[in-house]
N, C-alpha and C. Protein backbone atom coordinates (compact mmCIF):
# COMPACT_ATOMS: atom_id res chain seq x y z
N MET A 1 -156.09 13.87 -98.04
CA MET A 1 -155.01 12.95 -98.91
C MET A 1 -153.66 13.70 -98.95
N ASP A 2 -153.98 14.69 -98.97
CA ASP A 2 -152.89 15.65 -99.58
C ASP A 2 -151.31 15.34 -98.60
N ILE A 3 -152.19 14.86 -97.11
CA ILE A 3 -151.18 14.70 -96.07
C ILE A 3 -150.21 13.22 -96.61
N ASN A 4 -151.11 12.30 -96.96
CA ASN A 4 -150.43 11.13 -97.26
C ASN A 4 -149.51 10.98 -98.36
N MET A 5 -149.85 11.82 -99.56
CA MET A 5 -148.90 11.74 -100.40
C MET A 5 -147.78 12.48 -100.09
N THR A 6 -148.09 13.44 -99.52
CA THR A 6 -146.69 14.30 -98.79
C THR A 6 -145.96 13.35 -98.29
N LEU A 7 -146.50 12.77 -97.37
CA LEU A 7 -145.91 11.84 -96.44
C LEU A 7 -145.01 10.60 -97.26
N ILE A 8 -145.84 10.31 -98.19
CA ILE A 8 -144.95 9.02 -99.11
C ILE A 8 -143.97 9.71 -99.73
N GLY A 9 -144.02 10.88 -100.41
CA GLY A 9 -143.25 11.69 -101.13
C GLY A 9 -141.81 11.92 -100.28
N GLN A 10 -142.31 12.41 -99.25
CA GLN A 10 -140.81 12.68 -98.33
C GLN A 10 -140.20 11.55 -97.91
N THR A 11 -141.02 10.39 -97.81
CA THR A 11 -140.49 9.48 -97.41
C THR A 11 -139.66 8.58 -98.42
N ILE A 12 -139.86 8.75 -99.65
CA ILE A 12 -139.41 8.33 -100.93
C ILE A 12 -138.26 9.10 -101.06
N ALA A 13 -138.39 10.40 -100.92
CA ALA A 13 -137.24 11.32 -101.06
C ALA A 13 -136.12 11.10 -100.00
N MET A 14 -136.64 10.75 -98.74
CA MET A 14 -135.88 10.46 -97.58
C MET A 14 -134.80 9.02 -98.20
N VAL A 15 -135.73 8.16 -98.35
CA VAL A 15 -135.01 6.74 -98.89
C VAL A 15 -134.05 7.09 -100.15
N VAL A 16 -134.44 7.69 -100.93
CA VAL A 16 -133.37 8.08 -102.12
C VAL A 16 -132.50 8.96 -101.60
N PHE A 17 -132.52 9.70 -100.61
CA PHE A 17 -131.26 10.72 -100.17
C PHE A 17 -130.62 9.60 -99.41
N VAL A 18 -131.00 8.81 -98.63
CA VAL A 18 -130.12 7.84 -97.61
C VAL A 18 -129.48 6.93 -98.58
N TRP A 19 -130.02 6.52 -99.73
CA TRP A 19 -129.68 5.46 -100.67
C TRP A 19 -128.38 6.27 -101.31
N PHE A 20 -128.79 7.37 -101.86
CA PHE A 20 -127.60 8.14 -102.50
C PHE A 20 -126.42 8.21 -101.45
N CYS A 21 -126.77 8.76 -100.12
CA CYS A 21 -125.64 8.92 -99.10
C CYS A 21 -124.78 7.66 -99.02
N MET A 22 -125.44 6.69 -98.98
CA MET A 22 -124.84 5.31 -98.76
C MET A 22 -124.06 4.90 -99.68
N LYS A 23 -124.36 5.07 -100.95
CA LYS A 23 -123.80 4.85 -102.25
C LYS A 23 -122.72 5.69 -102.62
N PHE A 24 -122.96 7.06 -102.46
CA PHE A 24 -121.63 7.83 -102.84
C PHE A 24 -120.91 8.46 -101.96
N ILE A 25 -121.80 8.79 -100.95
CA ILE A 25 -121.19 9.94 -99.76
C ILE A 25 -120.53 9.07 -98.54
N TRP A 26 -121.11 8.08 -98.10
CA TRP A 26 -120.62 7.55 -96.96
C TRP A 26 -119.31 6.38 -97.35
N PRO A 27 -119.15 5.79 -98.39
CA PRO A 27 -118.03 5.01 -98.43
C PRO A 27 -116.73 5.95 -98.42
N PRO A 28 -116.73 6.96 -99.21
CA PRO A 28 -115.45 8.10 -99.01
C PRO A 28 -115.14 8.41 -97.72
N ILE A 29 -116.28 8.79 -96.94
CA ILE A 29 -116.25 9.34 -95.55
C ILE A 29 -115.66 8.16 -94.66
N MET A 30 -116.08 6.87 -95.07
CA MET A 30 -115.59 5.73 -94.10
C MET A 30 -114.13 5.42 -94.44
N THR A 31 -113.89 5.54 -95.71
CA THR A 31 -112.49 5.33 -95.90
C THR A 31 -111.52 6.37 -95.33
N ALA A 32 -111.96 7.51 -95.55
CA ALA A 32 -111.26 8.43 -94.94
C ALA A 32 -110.97 8.40 -93.13
N ILE A 33 -112.24 7.91 -92.70
CA ILE A 33 -112.24 7.65 -91.15
C ILE A 33 -111.07 6.53 -90.99
N GLU A 34 -111.32 5.41 -91.85
CA GLU A 34 -110.35 4.08 -91.64
C GLU A 34 -108.98 4.53 -91.88
N GLU A 35 -108.58 5.34 -92.96
CA GLU A 35 -107.18 5.78 -93.13
C GLU A 35 -106.64 6.72 -91.88
N ARG A 36 -107.70 7.41 -91.39
CA ARG A 36 -107.15 8.28 -90.31
C ARG A 36 -106.96 7.36 -88.86
N GLN A 37 -107.84 6.44 -88.73
CA GLN A 37 -107.72 5.54 -87.53
C GLN A 37 -106.46 4.71 -87.80
N THR A 38 -106.03 4.41 -89.19
CA THR A 38 -104.75 3.41 -89.31
C THR A 38 -103.63 4.57 -89.07
N GLN A 39 -103.58 5.78 -89.61
CA GLN A 39 -102.59 6.71 -89.32
C GLN A 39 -102.30 6.90 -87.74
N ILE A 40 -103.45 7.10 -87.13
CA ILE A 40 -103.54 7.24 -85.50
C ILE A 40 -102.75 6.04 -84.92
N ALA A 41 -103.12 4.87 -85.26
CA ALA A 41 -102.66 3.58 -84.76
C ALA A 41 -101.29 3.41 -85.01
N ASP A 42 -100.72 3.90 -86.35
CA ASP A 42 -99.54 3.79 -86.93
C ASP A 42 -98.47 5.00 -86.00
N GLY A 43 -99.17 5.89 -85.66
CA GLY A 43 -98.42 7.04 -84.98
C GLY A 43 -98.23 6.57 -83.64
N LEU A 44 -99.26 6.08 -82.93
CA LEU A 44 -99.19 5.43 -81.62
C LEU A 44 -98.13 4.42 -81.59
N ALA A 45 -98.00 3.47 -82.58
CA ALA A 45 -97.15 2.25 -82.45
C ALA A 45 -95.71 2.81 -82.55
N ALA A 46 -95.52 3.83 -83.52
CA ALA A 46 -94.20 4.66 -83.64
C ALA A 46 -93.89 5.10 -82.81
N ALA A 47 -94.80 5.80 -82.01
CA ALA A 47 -94.52 6.58 -80.77
C ALA A 47 -93.90 5.59 -79.56
N GLU A 48 -94.57 4.31 -79.64
CA GLU A 48 -94.28 3.22 -78.65
C GLU A 48 -92.63 2.92 -78.88
N ARG A 49 -92.66 2.65 -80.24
CA ARG A 49 -91.52 2.27 -80.66
C ARG A 49 -90.28 3.30 -80.26
N GLY A 50 -90.56 4.38 -80.46
CA GLY A 50 -89.57 5.60 -80.30
C GLY A 50 -89.39 5.63 -78.80
N GLN A 51 -90.15 5.38 -78.13
CA GLN A 51 -90.27 5.46 -76.42
C GLN A 51 -89.14 4.11 -76.01
N GLN A 52 -89.39 2.98 -76.57
CA GLN A 52 -88.69 1.76 -76.32
C GLN A 52 -87.29 2.08 -76.89
N ASP A 53 -87.02 2.66 -78.11
CA ASP A 53 -85.74 3.14 -78.41
C ASP A 53 -85.00 3.93 -77.70
N LEU A 54 -85.75 5.01 -77.18
CA LEU A 54 -85.15 6.00 -76.51
C LEU A 54 -84.65 5.46 -74.99
N GLU A 55 -85.34 4.50 -74.48
CA GLU A 55 -84.91 3.60 -73.49
C GLU A 55 -83.65 2.81 -73.47
N LYS A 56 -83.85 2.13 -74.72
CA LYS A 56 -82.50 1.54 -75.00
C LYS A 56 -81.27 2.39 -75.23
N ALA A 57 -81.62 3.48 -76.02
CA ALA A 57 -80.30 4.32 -76.10
C ALA A 57 -79.94 4.94 -74.44
N LYS A 58 -80.73 5.14 -73.73
CA LYS A 58 -80.49 5.72 -72.45
C LYS A 58 -79.74 4.46 -71.97
N SER A 59 -80.04 3.43 -71.81
CA SER A 59 -79.52 2.24 -71.12
C SER A 59 -78.04 2.21 -71.68
N GLU A 60 -77.88 2.34 -73.33
CA GLU A 60 -76.40 1.90 -73.83
C GLU A 60 -75.77 3.30 -73.50
N ALA A 61 -76.29 4.54 -73.52
CA ALA A 61 -75.22 5.43 -73.05
C ALA A 61 -74.94 5.46 -71.79
N ALA A 62 -75.72 5.01 -70.90
CA ALA A 62 -75.26 4.72 -69.37
C ALA A 62 -74.18 3.57 -69.64
N LYS A 63 -74.20 2.64 -70.28
CA LYS A 63 -73.24 1.46 -70.41
C LYS A 63 -71.91 2.14 -70.83
N ILE A 64 -72.16 3.06 -72.14
CA ILE A 64 -70.86 3.81 -72.52
C ILE A 64 -70.29 4.72 -71.44
N VAL A 65 -71.08 5.49 -70.90
CA VAL A 65 -70.43 6.30 -69.97
C VAL A 65 -69.71 5.62 -68.68
N ASP A 66 -70.47 4.30 -68.41
CA ASP A 66 -69.71 3.42 -67.18
C ASP A 66 -68.45 2.86 -67.94
N GLU A 67 -68.20 2.58 -69.05
CA GLU A 67 -67.03 2.05 -69.59
C GLU A 67 -65.94 3.05 -69.89
N ALA A 68 -66.45 4.28 -70.17
CA ALA A 68 -65.40 5.36 -70.34
C ALA A 68 -65.28 5.84 -68.89
N ARG A 69 -65.84 5.74 -67.80
CA ARG A 69 -65.43 6.12 -66.63
C ARG A 69 -64.39 4.79 -65.99
N LYS A 70 -64.67 3.92 -66.28
CA LYS A 70 -63.90 2.69 -65.94
C LYS A 70 -62.26 2.87 -66.64
N GLN A 71 -62.36 3.22 -68.15
CA GLN A 71 -61.24 3.45 -68.87
C GLN A 71 -60.38 4.68 -68.20
N ALA A 72 -61.15 5.75 -67.72
CA ALA A 72 -60.61 6.99 -67.20
C ALA A 72 -59.67 6.44 -65.98
N SER A 73 -60.55 5.68 -65.09
CA SER A 73 -60.27 5.42 -63.98
C SER A 73 -58.75 4.46 -64.10
N GLY A 74 -58.88 3.64 -65.13
CA GLY A 74 -57.65 2.68 -65.35
C GLY A 74 -56.59 3.37 -65.91
N ILE A 75 -56.91 4.62 -66.62
CA ILE A 75 -55.69 5.47 -67.06
C ILE A 75 -55.22 6.20 -66.05
N LEU A 76 -56.03 6.56 -64.99
CA LEU A 76 -55.84 7.43 -63.86
C LEU A 76 -54.60 6.74 -63.02
N ASP A 77 -55.09 5.45 -62.89
CA ASP A 77 -54.42 4.23 -62.06
C ASP A 77 -53.04 4.08 -62.76
N GLN A 78 -53.09 3.91 -64.00
CA GLN A 78 -51.60 3.72 -64.50
C GLN A 78 -50.60 5.06 -64.55
N ALA A 79 -51.21 6.09 -64.47
CA ALA A 79 -50.88 7.13 -64.43
C ALA A 79 -50.08 7.46 -63.35
N HIS A 80 -50.82 7.12 -62.08
CA HIS A 80 -50.28 7.13 -60.60
C HIS A 80 -49.30 6.17 -60.65
N ALA A 81 -49.39 4.71 -60.92
CA ALA A 81 -48.53 3.86 -60.75
C ALA A 81 -47.15 4.31 -61.73
N ARG A 82 -47.21 5.03 -62.74
CA ARG A 82 -46.00 5.66 -63.55
C ARG A 82 -45.38 6.66 -62.69
N ALA A 83 -46.29 7.45 -62.06
CA ALA A 83 -45.69 8.62 -61.08
C ALA A 83 -44.78 7.97 -60.01
N ASN A 84 -45.31 7.03 -59.37
CA ASN A 84 -44.83 6.43 -58.41
C ASN A 84 -43.33 5.56 -58.71
N GLU A 85 -43.51 4.96 -59.89
CA GLU A 85 -42.23 4.58 -60.39
C GLU A 85 -41.14 5.64 -60.82
N ILE A 86 -41.68 6.54 -61.34
CA ILE A 86 -40.70 7.87 -61.65
C ILE A 86 -40.05 8.38 -60.06
N VAL A 87 -41.16 8.38 -59.19
CA VAL A 87 -40.50 8.63 -57.73
C VAL A 87 -39.48 7.77 -57.27
N SER A 88 -39.70 6.70 -57.21
CA SER A 88 -38.85 5.65 -56.99
C SER A 88 -37.54 5.59 -57.55
N GLU A 89 -37.65 5.78 -59.02
CA GLU A 89 -36.67 5.78 -59.75
C GLU A 89 -35.47 7.06 -59.56
N GLY A 90 -36.45 8.19 -59.30
CA GLY A 90 -35.62 9.46 -58.66
C GLY A 90 -34.74 9.09 -57.42
N LYS A 91 -35.70 8.66 -56.55
CA LYS A 91 -35.10 8.32 -55.15
C LYS A 91 -34.14 7.09 -55.15
N ALA A 92 -33.82 6.41 -56.21
CA ALA A 92 -32.67 5.47 -56.46
C ALA A 92 -31.65 6.04 -56.85
N ASP A 93 -31.79 6.92 -57.92
CA ASP A 93 -30.86 7.90 -58.61
C ASP A 93 -30.12 8.61 -57.71
N GLY A 94 -30.96 9.15 -56.72
CA GLY A 94 -30.42 10.20 -55.59
C GLY A 94 -29.60 9.36 -54.63
N VAL A 95 -29.98 8.09 -54.24
CA VAL A 95 -29.32 7.44 -53.46
C VAL A 95 -27.98 6.96 -54.18
N LYS A 96 -28.13 6.44 -55.39
CA LYS A 96 -26.79 6.37 -56.19
C LYS A 96 -25.72 7.48 -56.15
N GLU A 97 -26.36 8.63 -56.40
CA GLU A 97 -25.60 9.94 -56.64
C GLU A 97 -25.17 10.32 -55.17
N ARG A 98 -25.94 10.08 -54.15
CA ARG A 98 -25.07 10.24 -52.94
C ARG A 98 -24.16 9.52 -52.44
N ASP A 99 -24.39 8.14 -52.72
CA ASP A 99 -23.10 6.97 -52.40
C ASP A 99 -22.04 7.41 -53.31
N ARG A 100 -22.08 7.77 -54.44
CA ARG A 100 -20.98 8.29 -55.34
C ARG A 100 -20.45 9.43 -54.96
N GLN A 101 -20.97 10.26 -54.44
CA GLN A 101 -20.36 11.71 -53.88
C GLN A 101 -19.76 11.45 -52.54
N LEU A 102 -20.48 10.49 -51.42
CA LEU A 102 -19.84 10.06 -50.34
C LEU A 102 -18.56 9.21 -50.52
N ILE A 103 -18.37 8.42 -51.67
CA ILE A 103 -17.30 7.63 -52.00
C ILE A 103 -16.04 8.35 -52.47
N ALA A 104 -16.56 9.67 -53.17
CA ALA A 104 -15.66 10.58 -53.76
C ALA A 104 -15.05 11.46 -52.53
N ALA A 105 -16.02 11.85 -51.90
CA ALA A 105 -15.79 12.75 -50.68
C ALA A 105 -14.39 11.89 -49.64
N ARG A 106 -14.89 10.65 -49.36
CA ARG A 106 -13.91 9.77 -48.69
C ARG A 106 -12.73 9.69 -49.25
N ALA A 107 -12.70 9.51 -50.63
CA ALA A 107 -11.34 9.48 -51.35
C ALA A 107 -10.60 10.50 -51.23
N GLU A 108 -11.34 11.67 -51.43
CA GLU A 108 -10.50 13.14 -51.29
C GLU A 108 -10.00 13.14 -49.89
N ILE A 109 -10.70 13.03 -49.13
CA ILE A 109 -10.30 12.91 -47.53
C ILE A 109 -9.12 12.05 -47.24
N GLU A 110 -9.44 11.04 -47.90
CA GLU A 110 -8.25 10.06 -47.67
C GLU A 110 -6.75 10.65 -48.24
N GLN A 111 -7.06 11.39 -49.45
CA GLN A 111 -5.85 11.74 -50.31
C GLN A 111 -5.44 12.95 -49.49
N GLU A 112 -6.29 13.75 -49.05
CA GLU A 112 -5.66 15.09 -48.08
C GLU A 112 -5.14 14.54 -46.59
N ALA A 113 -5.55 13.39 -46.06
CA ALA A 113 -4.90 12.96 -44.89
C ALA A 113 -3.59 12.22 -45.35
N ASN A 114 -3.36 11.50 -46.58
CA ASN A 114 -2.01 11.26 -46.87
C ASN A 114 -1.17 12.47 -47.34
N ARG A 115 -1.74 13.64 -47.82
CA ARG A 115 -0.71 14.42 -48.15
C ARG A 115 -0.30 14.97 -46.78
N ALA A 116 -1.31 15.23 -46.08
CA ALA A 116 -0.81 15.84 -44.59
C ALA A 116 0.12 14.92 -43.89
N ARG A 117 0.02 13.67 -44.07
CA ARG A 117 0.90 12.79 -43.13
C ARG A 117 2.35 12.84 -44.03
N GLU A 118 2.32 12.91 -45.49
CA GLU A 118 3.82 13.07 -46.05
C GLU A 118 4.26 14.37 -45.67
N GLU A 119 3.38 15.46 -45.83
CA GLU A 119 3.94 16.61 -45.23
C GLU A 119 4.52 16.75 -43.82
N LEU A 120 3.94 15.98 -43.03
CA LEU A 120 4.22 15.97 -41.64
C LEU A 120 5.66 15.23 -41.50
N ARG A 121 5.41 14.09 -42.19
CA ARG A 121 6.82 13.19 -42.31
C ARG A 121 7.98 14.07 -42.96
N GLY A 122 7.55 14.70 -43.94
CA GLY A 122 8.83 15.50 -44.36
C GLY A 122 9.14 16.71 -43.33
N GLN A 123 8.05 17.33 -42.48
CA GLN A 123 8.71 18.26 -41.49
C GLN A 123 9.25 17.53 -40.45
N VAL A 124 8.94 16.56 -40.07
CA VAL A 124 9.56 15.49 -38.94
C VAL A 124 11.13 15.13 -39.48
N SER A 125 11.19 14.76 -40.80
CA SER A 125 12.32 14.40 -41.03
C SER A 125 13.39 15.62 -41.17
N ALA A 126 12.87 17.00 -41.71
CA ALA A 126 13.61 18.10 -41.68
C ALA A 126 13.91 18.36 -40.24
N ILE A 127 13.02 18.15 -39.31
CA ILE A 127 13.43 18.58 -37.92
C ILE A 127 14.55 17.63 -37.19
N ALA A 128 14.39 16.24 -37.82
CA ALA A 128 15.35 15.38 -37.26
C ALA A 128 16.76 15.58 -37.84
N ILE A 129 16.86 16.18 -38.98
CA ILE A 129 17.94 16.26 -39.85
C ILE A 129 18.59 17.44 -39.12
N ALA A 130 17.80 18.60 -38.90
CA ALA A 130 18.19 19.85 -38.34
C ALA A 130 18.81 19.58 -36.92
N SER A 131 18.23 18.86 -36.23
CA SER A 131 18.45 18.12 -34.92
C SER A 131 19.92 17.70 -34.91
N ALA A 132 19.98 16.80 -35.84
CA ALA A 132 21.16 15.96 -36.15
C ALA A 132 22.20 16.77 -36.23
N GLU A 133 22.00 17.77 -37.32
CA GLU A 133 23.09 18.82 -37.57
C GLU A 133 23.52 19.46 -36.37
N LYS A 134 22.55 19.95 -35.48
CA LYS A 134 22.86 20.76 -34.22
C LYS A 134 23.46 19.83 -33.44
N ILE A 135 23.21 18.65 -33.29
CA ILE A 135 23.95 17.84 -32.23
C ILE A 135 25.34 17.65 -33.04
N LEU A 136 25.72 17.36 -33.99
CA LEU A 136 26.99 17.20 -34.65
C LEU A 136 27.96 18.42 -34.67
N ARG A 137 27.31 19.58 -34.65
CA ARG A 137 28.09 20.74 -34.58
C ARG A 137 28.54 21.06 -33.45
N ARG A 138 27.78 20.70 -32.18
CA ARG A 138 27.98 21.05 -31.13
C ARG A 138 29.21 19.96 -30.65
N GLU A 139 29.43 20.18 -29.57
CA GLU A 139 30.52 19.41 -29.03
C GLU A 139 29.81 18.23 -28.36
N ILE A 140 30.38 17.02 -28.40
CA ILE A 140 29.66 15.92 -28.00
C ILE A 140 29.77 16.07 -26.23
N ASP A 141 28.42 16.48 -26.00
CA ASP A 141 28.18 16.73 -24.44
C ASP A 141 26.95 16.10 -24.14
N GLY A 142 26.81 15.09 -22.93
CA GLY A 142 25.59 14.62 -22.83
C GLY A 142 24.74 15.58 -22.21
N LYS A 143 24.68 16.64 -21.59
CA LYS A 143 23.94 17.50 -21.07
C LYS A 143 23.46 18.31 -22.22
N SER A 144 24.20 18.55 -23.42
CA SER A 144 23.49 19.25 -24.40
C SER A 144 22.93 18.41 -25.24
N HIS A 145 23.20 17.14 -25.38
CA HIS A 145 22.62 16.42 -26.11
C HIS A 145 21.22 15.94 -25.57
N GLU A 146 21.08 16.11 -24.31
CA GLU A 146 19.89 15.82 -23.61
C GLU A 146 18.79 17.01 -23.74
N ASP A 147 19.54 18.22 -23.80
CA ASP A 147 18.75 19.56 -24.05
C ASP A 147 18.05 19.63 -25.48
N ILE A 148 19.08 19.29 -26.33
CA ILE A 148 18.66 19.12 -27.95
C ILE A 148 17.48 18.11 -28.00
N LEU A 149 17.65 16.86 -27.38
CA LEU A 149 16.61 15.87 -27.53
C LEU A 149 15.28 16.56 -27.06
N ASN A 150 15.41 17.02 -25.83
CA ASN A 150 14.17 17.67 -25.21
C ASN A 150 13.37 18.82 -25.94
N LYS A 151 14.17 19.45 -26.89
CA LYS A 151 13.84 20.63 -27.75
C LYS A 151 13.23 19.95 -28.85
N LEU A 152 13.91 19.04 -29.38
CA LEU A 152 13.31 18.13 -30.51
C LEU A 152 11.81 17.65 -30.20
N ALA A 153 11.72 16.88 -28.97
CA ALA A 153 10.71 16.31 -28.53
C ALA A 153 9.32 17.38 -28.29
N ALA A 154 9.81 18.44 -27.90
CA ALA A 154 8.88 19.43 -27.72
C ALA A 154 8.53 20.02 -29.03
N GLU A 155 9.23 19.97 -30.30
CA GLU A 155 8.83 20.45 -31.54
C GLU A 155 7.88 19.39 -32.11
N LEU A 156 8.13 18.26 -31.69
CA LEU A 156 6.82 17.15 -32.32
C LEU A 156 5.92 17.20 -31.68
């Protein structure tokens, strides 16, 4: 009978131990496990949200970079257009300056030609007067007149 009482005592002790564990030990352990599961689920959800936010940030960054590239290319196009305008203005100014210098040079050439003509007229008139004086000083002779006129023609 000793085995039966021992068996019953061990069964009662086991039932009390199980009841005690279920009443006082099991609830805090289950609470801790449930809290840990909640934390893990929240962490996984936060990681998923973080991943989605990262993808959104990457796409927004790509859009911003594309806009910046477009703005940079627009600025470069404007700079090239302005450079072309400056070159065109420089060419136009160069053409104007060339034309102005050509006009000034032509006017100077015309003045020099007029001075040369006036000087030549002065020399021709001086030669004519000198020839007339020589003719008048000599005797009036047809042969000598013809000779003087030939010399005058040669000088002209």
